[in-house]
Amino acid sequence: MLASYDAGPPRVAYFEPVAVGDVLPDMPLFLRPEIYVPAPLEATYQTTWKGFPNVLKRLLEGPAETSPQM
């Protein structure tokens, strides 16, 4: 679950359900009541992952999947 909060008045919460493997949506990042900038979560994640050290990626991803032999 992703959440973004506007301190209002009135106070408002915006929720987005997500599951493992989903593309992350853009979410509002509130700077002041009713003033926000869009936070491009998926693009930010992908950019960060590209620059992440491969040795650490392997630790997080686990062993590579292998195809069953036919």
N, C-alpha and C. Protein backbone atom coordinates (compact mmCIF):
# COMPACT_ATOMS: atom_id res chain seq x y z
N MET A 1 0.84 -1.16 0.00
CA MET A 1 0.00 0.00 0.00
C MET A 1 0.89 1.23 0.00
N LEU A 2 0.61 2.15 -0.90
CA LEU A 2 1.30 3.44 -0.94
C LEU A 2 0.34 4.49 -0.40
N ALA A 3 0.88 5.48 0.28
CA ALA A 3 0.04 6.53 0.84
C ALA A 3 0.70 7.88 0.66
N SER A 4 -0.14 8.88 0.46
CA SER A 4 0.30 10.26 0.40
C SER A 4 -0.72 11.08 1.18
N TYR A 5 -0.22 12.04 1.95
CA TYR A 5 -1.10 12.79 2.84
C TYR A 5 -1.03 14.28 2.57
N ASP A 6 -2.20 14.91 2.51
CA ASP A 6 -2.32 16.36 2.43
C ASP A 6 -2.76 16.83 3.81
N ALA A 7 -1.96 17.68 4.45
CA ALA A 7 -2.22 18.12 5.82
C ALA A 7 -3.41 19.07 5.93
N GLY A 8 -3.98 19.48 4.79
CA GLY A 8 -5.21 20.24 4.75
C GLY A 8 -5.15 21.61 5.39
N PRO A 9 -6.24 22.21 5.75
CA PRO A 9 -7.53 21.56 5.93
C PRO A 9 -8.26 21.41 4.61
N PRO A 10 -9.07 20.43 4.45
CA PRO A 10 -9.20 19.28 5.33
C PRO A 10 -8.04 18.31 5.13
N ARG A 11 -7.78 17.48 6.10
CA ARG A 11 -6.74 16.45 5.96
C ARG A 11 -7.26 15.37 5.02
N VAL A 12 -6.41 15.00 4.06
CA VAL A 12 -6.80 13.99 3.06
C VAL A 12 -5.68 12.99 2.92
N ALA A 13 -6.04 11.73 2.79
CA ALA A 13 -5.07 10.66 2.54
C ALA A 13 -5.39 10.03 1.19
N TYR A 14 -4.36 9.80 0.40
CA TYR A 14 -4.50 9.14 -0.90
C TYR A 14 -3.78 7.80 -0.82
N PHE A 15 -4.48 6.73 -1.14
CA PHE A 15 -3.91 5.39 -1.04
C PHE A 15 -3.92 4.71 -2.40
N GLU A 16 -2.88 3.94 -2.67
CA GLU A 16 -2.79 3.14 -3.89
C GLU A 16 -2.37 1.73 -3.49
N PRO A 17 -3.21 0.74 -3.74
CA PRO A 17 -2.79 -0.64 -3.47
C PRO A 17 -1.80 -1.09 -4.54
N VAL A 18 -0.77 -1.80 -4.13
CA VAL A 18 0.21 -2.36 -5.06
C VAL A 18 0.56 -3.76 -4.62
N ALA A 19 1.00 -4.55 -5.55
CA ALA A 19 1.44 -5.92 -5.27
C ALA A 19 2.85 -6.09 -5.81
N VAL A 20 3.52 -7.11 -5.33
CA VAL A 20 4.86 -7.42 -5.83
C VAL A 20 4.79 -7.59 -7.34
N GLY A 21 5.68 -6.91 -8.04
CA GLY A 21 5.72 -7.01 -9.50
C GLY A 21 4.93 -5.92 -10.22
N ASP A 22 4.09 -5.18 -9.49
CA ASP A 22 3.33 -4.09 -10.12
C ASP A 22 4.26 -2.94 -10.48
N VAL A 23 3.89 -2.22 -11.52
CA VAL A 23 4.57 -0.96 -11.84
C VAL A 23 4.12 0.05 -10.80
N LEU A 24 5.06 0.76 -10.21
CA LEU A 24 4.71 1.74 -9.19
C LEU A 24 4.08 2.97 -9.83
N PRO A 25 2.99 3.46 -9.27
CA PRO A 25 2.34 4.64 -9.84
C PRO A 25 3.06 5.91 -9.40
N ASP A 26 2.80 7.00 -10.12
CA ASP A 26 3.23 8.31 -9.64
C ASP A 26 2.32 8.66 -8.47
N MET A 27 2.89 9.28 -7.45
CA MET A 27 2.12 9.69 -6.28
C MET A 27 2.39 11.16 -6.01
N PRO A 28 1.40 11.86 -5.43
CA PRO A 28 1.65 13.25 -5.06
C PRO A 28 2.52 13.34 -3.82
N LEU A 29 3.48 14.24 -3.86
CA LEU A 29 4.33 14.53 -2.70
C LEU A 29 3.97 15.95 -2.27
N PHE A 30 3.23 16.04 -1.17
CA PHE A 30 2.71 17.34 -0.74
C PHE A 30 3.80 18.17 -0.08
N LEU A 31 3.92 19.41 -0.54
CA LEU A 31 4.88 20.36 0.00
C LEU A 31 4.20 21.27 1.03
N ARG A 32 2.95 21.58 0.76
CA ARG A 32 2.10 22.40 1.62
C ARG A 32 0.67 21.94 1.35
N PRO A 33 -0.28 22.33 2.19
CA PRO A 33 -1.66 21.95 1.90
C PRO A 33 -2.06 22.33 0.48
N GLU A 34 -2.56 21.37 -0.24
CA GLU A 34 -3.03 21.50 -1.62
C GLU A 34 -1.94 21.80 -2.64
N ILE A 35 -0.69 21.81 -2.23
CA ILE A 35 0.44 22.06 -3.15
C ILE A 35 1.32 20.81 -3.16
N TYR A 36 1.45 20.19 -4.33
CA TYR A 36 2.26 18.97 -4.42
C TYR A 36 3.03 18.93 -5.72
N VAL A 37 4.01 18.07 -5.74
CA VAL A 37 4.72 17.73 -6.97
C VAL A 37 4.51 16.24 -7.20
N PRO A 38 4.43 15.82 -8.44
CA PRO A 38 4.29 14.38 -8.69
C PRO A 38 5.62 13.66 -8.40
N ALA A 39 5.54 12.57 -7.71
CA ALA A 39 6.72 11.75 -7.41
C ALA A 39 6.68 10.53 -8.34
N PRO A 40 7.56 10.48 -9.34
CA PRO A 40 7.57 9.38 -10.30
C PRO A 40 8.25 8.15 -9.69
N LEU A 41 7.52 7.37 -8.92
CA LEU A 41 8.10 6.27 -8.15
C LEU A 41 8.76 5.20 -9.02
N GLU A 42 8.09 4.75 -10.08
CA GLU A 42 8.66 3.68 -10.91
C GLU A 42 9.92 4.15 -11.63
N ALA A 43 9.87 5.34 -12.22
CA ALA A 43 11.04 5.86 -12.93
C ALA A 43 12.21 6.05 -11.97
N THR A 44 11.94 6.54 -10.76
CA THR A 44 12.99 6.74 -9.78
C THR A 44 13.58 5.41 -9.35
N TYR A 45 12.72 4.42 -9.11
CA TYR A 45 13.19 3.09 -8.72
C TYR A 45 14.07 2.49 -9.82
N GLN A 46 13.61 2.54 -11.07
CA GLN A 46 14.37 1.95 -12.18
C GLN A 46 15.72 2.63 -12.36
N THR A 47 15.76 3.95 -12.26
CA THR A 47 17.02 4.68 -12.39
C THR A 47 17.99 4.28 -11.28
N THR A 48 17.48 4.19 -10.06
CA THR A 48 18.32 3.80 -8.93
C THR A 48 18.82 2.37 -9.09
N TRP A 49 17.95 1.46 -9.53
CA TRP A 49 18.32 0.05 -9.69
C TRP A 49 19.43 -0.11 -10.74
N LYS A 50 19.36 0.67 -11.82
CA LYS A 50 20.39 0.59 -12.86
C LYS A 50 21.77 0.94 -12.30
N GLY A 51 21.84 1.86 -11.36
CA GLY A 51 23.12 2.27 -10.79
C GLY A 51 23.53 1.46 -9.56
N PHE A 52 22.70 0.52 -9.15
CA PHE A 52 22.97 -0.29 -7.97
C PHE A 52 24.07 -1.31 -8.29
N PRO A 53 25.02 -1.53 -7.40
CA PRO A 53 26.12 -2.47 -7.68
C PRO A 53 25.61 -3.89 -7.96
N ASN A 54 26.14 -4.51 -9.02
CA ASN A 54 25.70 -5.85 -9.41
C ASN A 54 25.87 -6.88 -8.31
N VAL A 55 26.94 -6.77 -7.53
CA VAL A 55 27.17 -7.74 -6.47
C VAL A 55 26.02 -7.69 -5.46
N LEU A 56 25.50 -6.52 -5.19
CA LEU A 56 24.37 -6.40 -4.27
C LEU A 56 23.06 -6.81 -4.92
N LYS A 57 22.91 -6.54 -6.22
CA LYS A 57 21.71 -6.99 -6.94
C LYS A 57 21.58 -8.51 -6.84
N ARG A 58 22.71 -9.22 -7.02
CA ARG A 58 22.66 -10.69 -6.96
C ARG A 58 22.22 -11.16 -5.58
N LEU A 59 22.64 -10.48 -4.53
CA LEU A 59 22.22 -10.85 -3.18
C LEU A 59 20.72 -10.68 -3.00
N LEU A 60 20.17 -9.64 -3.58
CA LEU A 60 18.74 -9.36 -3.42
C LEU A 60 17.88 -10.23 -4.33
N GLU A 61 18.38 -10.53 -5.52
CA GLU A 61 17.58 -11.28 -6.48
C GLU A 61 17.61 -12.77 -6.22
N GLY A 62 18.63 -13.26 -5.56
CA GLY A 62 18.75 -14.70 -5.32
C GLY A 62 19.25 -15.42 -6.55
N PRO A 63 19.28 -16.76 -6.48
CA PRO A 63 19.79 -17.53 -7.63
C PRO A 63 18.91 -17.35 -8.86
N ALA A 64 19.56 -17.39 -10.01
CA ALA A 64 18.82 -17.26 -11.27
C ALA A 64 17.93 -18.48 -11.47
N GLU A 65 16.76 -18.22 -12.02
CA GLU A 65 15.85 -19.31 -12.34
C GLU A 65 16.42 -20.12 -13.51
N THR A 66 16.30 -21.41 -13.44
CA THR A 66 16.77 -22.26 -14.53
C THR A 66 15.57 -22.94 -15.17
N SER A 67 15.67 -23.14 -16.46
CA SER A 67 14.59 -23.83 -17.18
C SER A 67 14.69 -25.31 -16.95
N PRO A 68 13.55 -25.98 -16.81
CA PRO A 68 13.60 -27.45 -16.64
C PRO A 68 14.13 -28.09 -17.93
N GLN A 69 14.90 -29.12 -17.76
CA GLN A 69 15.45 -29.84 -18.90
C GLN A 69 14.36 -30.71 -19.52
N MET A 70 14.27 -30.70 -20.83
CA MET A 70 13.28 -31.51 -21.54
C MET A 70 13.93 -32.74 -22.08
